[in-house]
Each structure stands twice: as C-alpha cells, then as structure tokens.
Amino acid sequence: MPKIRVPEITAYFKSDVKTVWNVVTNNVDYKWRSDIMKIEVYPDGNHWLEYYNEKTYTKFTLVEKVENNKYVFDLENKMFIGHWTGYFSPTETGGTKVIFTENILIKNPIIRMMSHLFWDLEKIQKTYLADLKIKLQEDSNS
C-alpha cells in the first residue's frame, strides 16, 4: 500500500468563483460544515485549528492563497500530516469548477494500512462538497 494517500475530487457549482472562493476560504464562518465542531483562527489568519470534538483537532498552516484561483495549506494532527490544494476556475456558464486534492501521510504504519479500510477520505471530501452546496443554496444533485 502506498505511504501517501492522495484523494482528489472535482465538483461544479452554479455559484460564481468569487462566491465559492469566499465561502471556502472564510475560516470564521464554519457553522455550515457538518464535519467540525469549531474553528479557532490564530490572530495572523494564516494558522487555524479545526476541532472535530472537544479534544481532537487538526492544525492548518496557509501555504499559498491566490484569490479566486488557488488555495493551499498544510495540515497536521496526532495521526497524520498532509497537504491540501484547491483550484477554482470559472465555467462557461458563469459557475465554478473546483478540484480539491489532499496528500495525507498517516504517521503510524499499522494505522496507515488499516486506514484504507476504516478512514474513507473520499467520503469526507463528498461530505464537505455536499455541505458547501447547501451553504451556497444549490441543489445537492446538481
């Protein structure tokens, strides 16, 4: 099994790029996300913690932010380290195409092997996109 897991997902939205960008990159407005309990943003705005419950969190560090185009950050918690890249582009109809790619290295080799059975990264990505469509007031089937 590969050391690094690299799930990638592409999605299309009716909303324009600026609208999608503003929602995805706004770490203060997170209530629309069903996968997290809260986000704590550091004063510099380039680091934040996403909490999944009271004790479990992931630390994020901004790497690159090109407005309405590219959003990149590193992530780390007790179990894994990783890198996330999101590309945003306009569609011919005025909507948005996004491509989100994660590179996740699970630190413990035994857990890494078991993660393929018990940690569905693609499902996590699909949940995020479904929540995003709801936030954008778009039909989740579109």
C-alpha atoms as a PDB file:
ATOM      1  CA  MET A   1       0.000   0.000   0.000  1.00  0.00           C
ATOM      2  CA  PRO A   2       1.271   3.498  -0.788  1.00  0.00           C
ATOM      3  CA  LYS A   3       2.599   5.585   2.084  1.00  0.00           C
ATOM      4  CA  ILE A   4       0.736   8.698   0.980  1.00  0.00           C
ATOM      5  CA  ARG A   5      -2.971   8.704   0.228  1.00  0.00           C
ATOM      6  CA  VAL A   6      -3.975  11.179  -2.478  1.00  0.00           C
ATOM      7  CA  PRO A   7      -7.729  11.581  -2.833  1.00  0.00           C
ATOM      8  CA  GLU A   8      -8.847  14.124  -5.416  1.00  0.00           C
ATOM      9  CA  ILE A   9     -12.340  15.344  -6.139  1.00  0.00           C
ATOM     10  CA  THR A  10     -13.772  17.640  -8.808  1.00  0.00           C
ATOM     11  CA  ALA A  11     -17.083  19.436  -8.423  1.00  0.00           C
ATOM     12  CA  TYR A  12     -19.137  22.042 -10.225  1.00  0.00           C
ATOM     13  CA  PHE A  13     -21.218  24.808  -8.705  1.00  0.00           C
ATOM     14  CA  LYS A  14     -23.777  27.198 -10.162  1.00  0.00           C
ATOM     15  CA  SER A  15     -22.342  29.991  -7.995  1.00  0.00           C
ATOM     16  CA  ASP A  16     -19.594  32.188  -9.417  1.00  0.00           C
ATOM     17  CA  VAL A  17     -15.930  31.706  -8.478  1.00  0.00           C
ATOM     18  CA  LYS A  18     -15.799  34.669  -6.105  1.00  0.00           C
ATOM     19  CA  THR A  19     -18.764  33.368  -4.093  1.00  0.00           C
ATOM     20  CA  VAL A  20     -17.385  29.826  -3.827  1.00  0.00           C
ATOM     21  CA  TRP A  21     -13.911  31.157  -3.000  1.00  0.00           C
ATOM     22  CA  ASN A  22     -15.260  33.413  -0.251  1.00  0.00           C
ATOM     23  CA  VAL A  23     -17.096  30.546   1.443  1.00  0.00           C
ATOM     24  CA  VAL A  24     -14.237  28.022   1.213  1.00  0.00           C
ATOM     25  CA  THR A  25     -11.529  30.413   2.397  1.00  0.00           C
ATOM     26  CA  ASN A  26     -13.524  32.000   5.241  1.00  0.00           C
ATOM     27  CA  ASN A  27     -12.418  30.115   8.345  1.00  0.00           C
ATOM     28  CA  VAL A  28     -14.508  32.284  10.658  1.00  0.00           C
ATOM     29  CA  ASP A  29     -17.852  31.227   9.105  1.00  0.00           C
ATOM     30  CA  TYR A  30     -17.775  27.442   9.593  1.00  0.00           C
ATOM     31  CA  LYS A  31     -21.235  26.633  11.002  1.00  0.00           C
ATOM     32  CA  TRP A  32     -22.310  25.253   7.603  1.00  0.00           C
ATOM     33  CA  ARG A  33     -19.810  22.396   7.901  1.00  0.00           C
ATOM     34  CA  SER A  34     -21.240  19.223   9.406  1.00  0.00           C
ATOM     35  CA  ASP A  35     -17.806  17.617   9.911  1.00  0.00           C
ATOM     36  CA  ILE A  36     -16.408  20.014  12.533  1.00  0.00           C
ATOM     37  CA  MET A  37     -17.409  21.441  15.888  1.00  0.00           C
ATOM     38  CA  LYS A  38     -15.456  24.699  15.744  1.00  0.00           C
ATOM     39  CA  ILE A  39     -12.505  26.529  14.205  1.00  0.00           C
ATOM     40  CA  GLU A  40     -10.027  28.666  16.115  1.00  0.00           C
ATOM     41  CA  VAL A  41      -8.194  31.103  13.841  1.00  0.00           C
ATOM     42  CA  TYR A  42      -4.851  32.463  15.041  1.00  0.00           C
ATOM     43  CA  PRO A  43      -4.513  36.281  15.036  1.00  0.00           C
ATOM     44  CA  ASP A  44      -2.270  36.181  11.930  1.00  0.00           C
ATOM     45  CA  GLY A  45      -5.059  34.445   9.960  1.00  0.00           C
ATOM     46  CA  ASN A  46      -2.525  32.041   8.443  1.00  0.00           C
ATOM     47  CA  HIS A  47      -2.962  29.285  11.026  1.00  0.00           C
ATOM     48  CA  TRP A  48      -6.104  27.694  12.398  1.00  0.00           C
ATOM     49  CA  LEU A  49      -7.329  24.673  14.335  1.00  0.00           C
ATOM     50  CA  GLU A  50     -10.351  22.643  13.259  1.00  0.00           C
ATOM     51  CA  TYR A  51     -11.965  20.715  16.112  1.00  0.00           C
ATOM     52  CA  TYR A  52     -13.913  17.546  15.431  1.00  0.00           C
ATOM     53  CA  ASN A  53     -14.809  17.177  19.111  1.00  0.00           C
ATOM     54  CA  GLU A  54     -13.555  18.753  22.349  1.00  0.00           C
ATOM     55  CA  LYS A  55     -10.154  17.017  22.207  1.00  0.00           C
ATOM     56  CA  THR A  56      -9.476  16.118  18.567  1.00  0.00           C
ATOM     57  CA  TYR A  57      -8.245  18.814  16.224  1.00  0.00           C
ATOM     58  CA  THR A  58      -6.121  19.356  13.154  1.00  0.00           C
ATOM     59  CA  LYS A  59      -3.732  22.293  12.771  1.00  0.00           C
ATOM     60  CA  PHE A  60      -3.667  24.097   9.420  1.00  0.00           C
ATOM     61  CA  THR A  61      -0.987  26.400   8.031  1.00  0.00           C
ATOM     62  CA  LEU A  62      -1.622  28.546   4.970  1.00  0.00           C
ATOM     63  CA  VAL A  63       0.955  27.964   2.235  1.00  0.00           C
ATOM     64  CA  GLU A  64      -0.467  29.879  -0.740  1.00  0.00           C
ATOM     65  CA  LYS A  65      -3.588  31.898  -1.455  1.00  0.00           C
ATOM     66  CA  VAL A  66      -4.169  33.255  -4.958  1.00  0.00           C
ATOM     67  CA  GLU A  67      -7.548  34.996  -4.881  1.00  0.00           C
ATOM     68  CA  ASN A  68     -10.335  33.158  -6.720  1.00  0.00           C
ATOM     69  CA  ASN A  69      -7.828  30.657  -8.101  1.00  0.00           C
ATOM     70  CA  LYS A  70      -5.652  28.602  -5.739  1.00  0.00           C
ATOM     71  CA  TYR A  71      -5.775  27.811  -2.011  1.00  0.00           C
ATOM     72  CA  VAL A  72      -3.037  25.674  -0.430  1.00  0.00           C
ATOM     73  CA  PHE A  73      -2.361  24.667   3.142  1.00  0.00           C
ATOM     74  CA  ASP A  74      -0.527  22.088   5.224  1.00  0.00           C
ATOM     75  CA  LEU A  75      -2.338  20.121   7.889  1.00  0.00           C
ATOM     76  CA  GLU A  76      -1.242  18.022  10.836  1.00  0.00           C
ATOM     77  CA  ASN A  77      -2.603  16.233  13.868  1.00  0.00           C
ATOM     78  CA  LYS A  78      -1.552  13.327  16.091  1.00  0.00           C
ATOM     79  CA  MET A  79      -2.350  10.766  13.394  1.00  0.00           C
ATOM     80  CA  PHE A  80      -1.220  12.327  10.120  1.00  0.00           C
ATOM     81  CA  ILE A  81       0.477  15.136   8.235  1.00  0.00           C
ATOM     82  CA  GLY A  82      -0.690  16.395   4.895  1.00  0.00           C
ATOM     83  CA  HIS A  83      -1.015  18.987   2.183  1.00  0.00           C
ATOM     84  CA  TRP A  84      -4.243  20.271   0.591  1.00  0.00           C
ATOM     85  CA  THR A  85      -4.614  22.127  -2.695  1.00  0.00           C
ATOM     86  CA  GLY A  86      -7.778  23.636  -4.085  1.00  0.00           C
ATOM     87  CA  TYR A  87      -8.111  25.042  -7.592  1.00  0.00           C
ATOM     88  CA  PHE A  88     -11.044  27.281  -8.529  1.00  0.00           C
ATOM     89  CA  SER A  89     -11.961  28.189 -12.103  1.00  0.00           C
ATOM     90  CA  PRO A  90     -14.965  29.710 -13.852  1.00  0.00           C
ATOM     91  CA  THR A  91     -17.152  27.574 -16.065  1.00  0.00           C
ATOM     92  CA  GLU A  92     -18.585  28.693 -19.410  1.00  0.00           C
ATOM     93  CA  THR A  93     -21.980  29.191 -17.742  1.00  0.00           C
ATOM     94  CA  GLY A  94     -20.625  31.506 -15.020  1.00  0.00           C
ATOM     95  CA  GLY A  95     -20.411  28.828 -12.376  1.00  0.00           C
ATOM     96  CA  THR A  96     -17.352  27.341 -10.714  1.00  0.00           C
ATOM     97  CA  LYS A  97     -15.258  24.234 -11.130  1.00  0.00           C
ATOM     98  CA  VAL A  98     -13.201  23.149  -8.125  1.00  0.00           C
ATOM     99  CA  ILE A  99     -10.521  20.499  -7.849  1.00  0.00           C
ATOM    100  CA  PHE A 100      -9.527  19.574  -4.307  1.00  0.00           C
ATOM    101  CA  THR A 101      -6.526  17.323  -3.735  1.00  0.00           C
ATOM    102  CA  GLU A 102      -5.196  16.020  -0.439  1.00  0.00           C
ATOM    103  CA  ASN A 103      -1.860  14.331   0.212  1.00  0.00           C
ATOM    104  CA  ILE A 104      -2.120  12.521   3.532  1.00  0.00           C
ATOM    105  CA  LEU A 105       0.665  10.600   5.277  1.00  0.00           C
ATOM    106  CA  ILE A 106      -0.539   8.605   8.262  1.00  0.00           C
ATOM    107  CA  LYS A 107       2.312   8.528  10.746  1.00  0.00           C
ATOM    108  CA  ASN A 108       1.835   5.046  12.210  1.00  0.00           C
ATOM    109  CA  PRO A 109       2.455   2.318   9.580  1.00  0.00           C
ATOM    110  CA  ILE A 110      -0.065  -0.087  11.140  1.00  0.00           C
ATOM    111  CA  ILE A 111      -2.783   2.540  11.289  1.00  0.00           C
ATOM    112  CA  ARG A 112      -1.798   3.622   7.760  1.00  0.00           C
ATOM    113  CA  MET A 113      -2.548   0.132   6.494  1.00  0.00           C
ATOM    114  CA  MET A 114      -5.845  -0.082   8.398  1.00  0.00           C
ATOM    115  CA  SER A 115      -6.866   3.421   7.295  1.00  0.00           C
ATOM    116  CA  HIS A 116      -7.704   2.138   3.819  1.00  0.00           C
ATOM    117  CA  LEU A 117     -10.459   0.081   5.429  1.00  0.00           C
ATOM    118  CA  PHE A 118     -11.718   2.473   8.095  1.00  0.00           C
ATOM    119  CA  TRP A 119     -10.959   6.049   7.006  1.00  0.00           C
ATOM    120  CA  ASP A 120     -12.846   6.953   3.856  1.00  0.00           C
ATOM    121  CA  LEU A 121     -11.140  10.138   2.651  1.00  0.00           C
ATOM    122  CA  GLU A 122     -13.335  10.323  -0.440  1.00  0.00           C
ATOM    123  CA  LYS A 123     -16.452  10.262   1.748  1.00  0.00           C
ATOM    124  CA  ILE A 124     -15.039  13.133   3.812  1.00  0.00           C
ATOM    125  CA  GLN A 125     -14.497  15.137   0.625  1.00  0.00           C
ATOM    126  CA  LYS A 126     -18.028  14.375  -0.601  1.00  0.00           C
ATOM    127  CA  THR A 127     -19.500  15.462   2.745  1.00  0.00           C
ATOM    128  CA  TYR A 128     -17.608  18.754   2.527  1.00  0.00           C
ATOM    129  CA  LEU A 129     -18.888  19.377  -1.016  1.00  0.00           C
ATOM    130  CA  ALA A 130     -22.472  18.487  -0.042  1.00  0.00           C
ATOM    131  CA  ASP A 131     -22.280  20.928   2.884  1.00  0.00           C
ATOM    132  CA  LEU A 132     -20.835  23.571   0.551  1.00  0.00           C
ATOM    133  CA  LYS A 133     -23.713  23.148  -1.904  1.00  0.00           C
ATOM    134  CA  ILE A 134     -26.178  23.655   0.955  1.00  0.00           C
ATOM    135  CA  LYS A 135     -24.310  26.777   2.108  1.00  0.00           C
ATOM    136  CA  LEU A 136     -24.422  28.100  -1.467  1.00  0.00           C
ATOM    137  CA  GLN A 137     -28.157  27.234  -1.613  1.00  0.00           C
ATOM    138  CA  GLU A 138     -27.631  24.894  -4.528  1.00  0.00           C
ATOM    139  CA  ASP A 139     -29.378  21.595  -5.054  1.00  0.00           C
ATOM    140  CA  SER A 140     -27.002  18.831  -3.908  1.00  0.00           C
ATOM    141  CA  ASN A 141     -27.938  16.790  -7.017  1.00  0.00           C
ATOM    142  CA  SER A 142     -26.794  19.431  -9.481  1.00  0.00           C
END
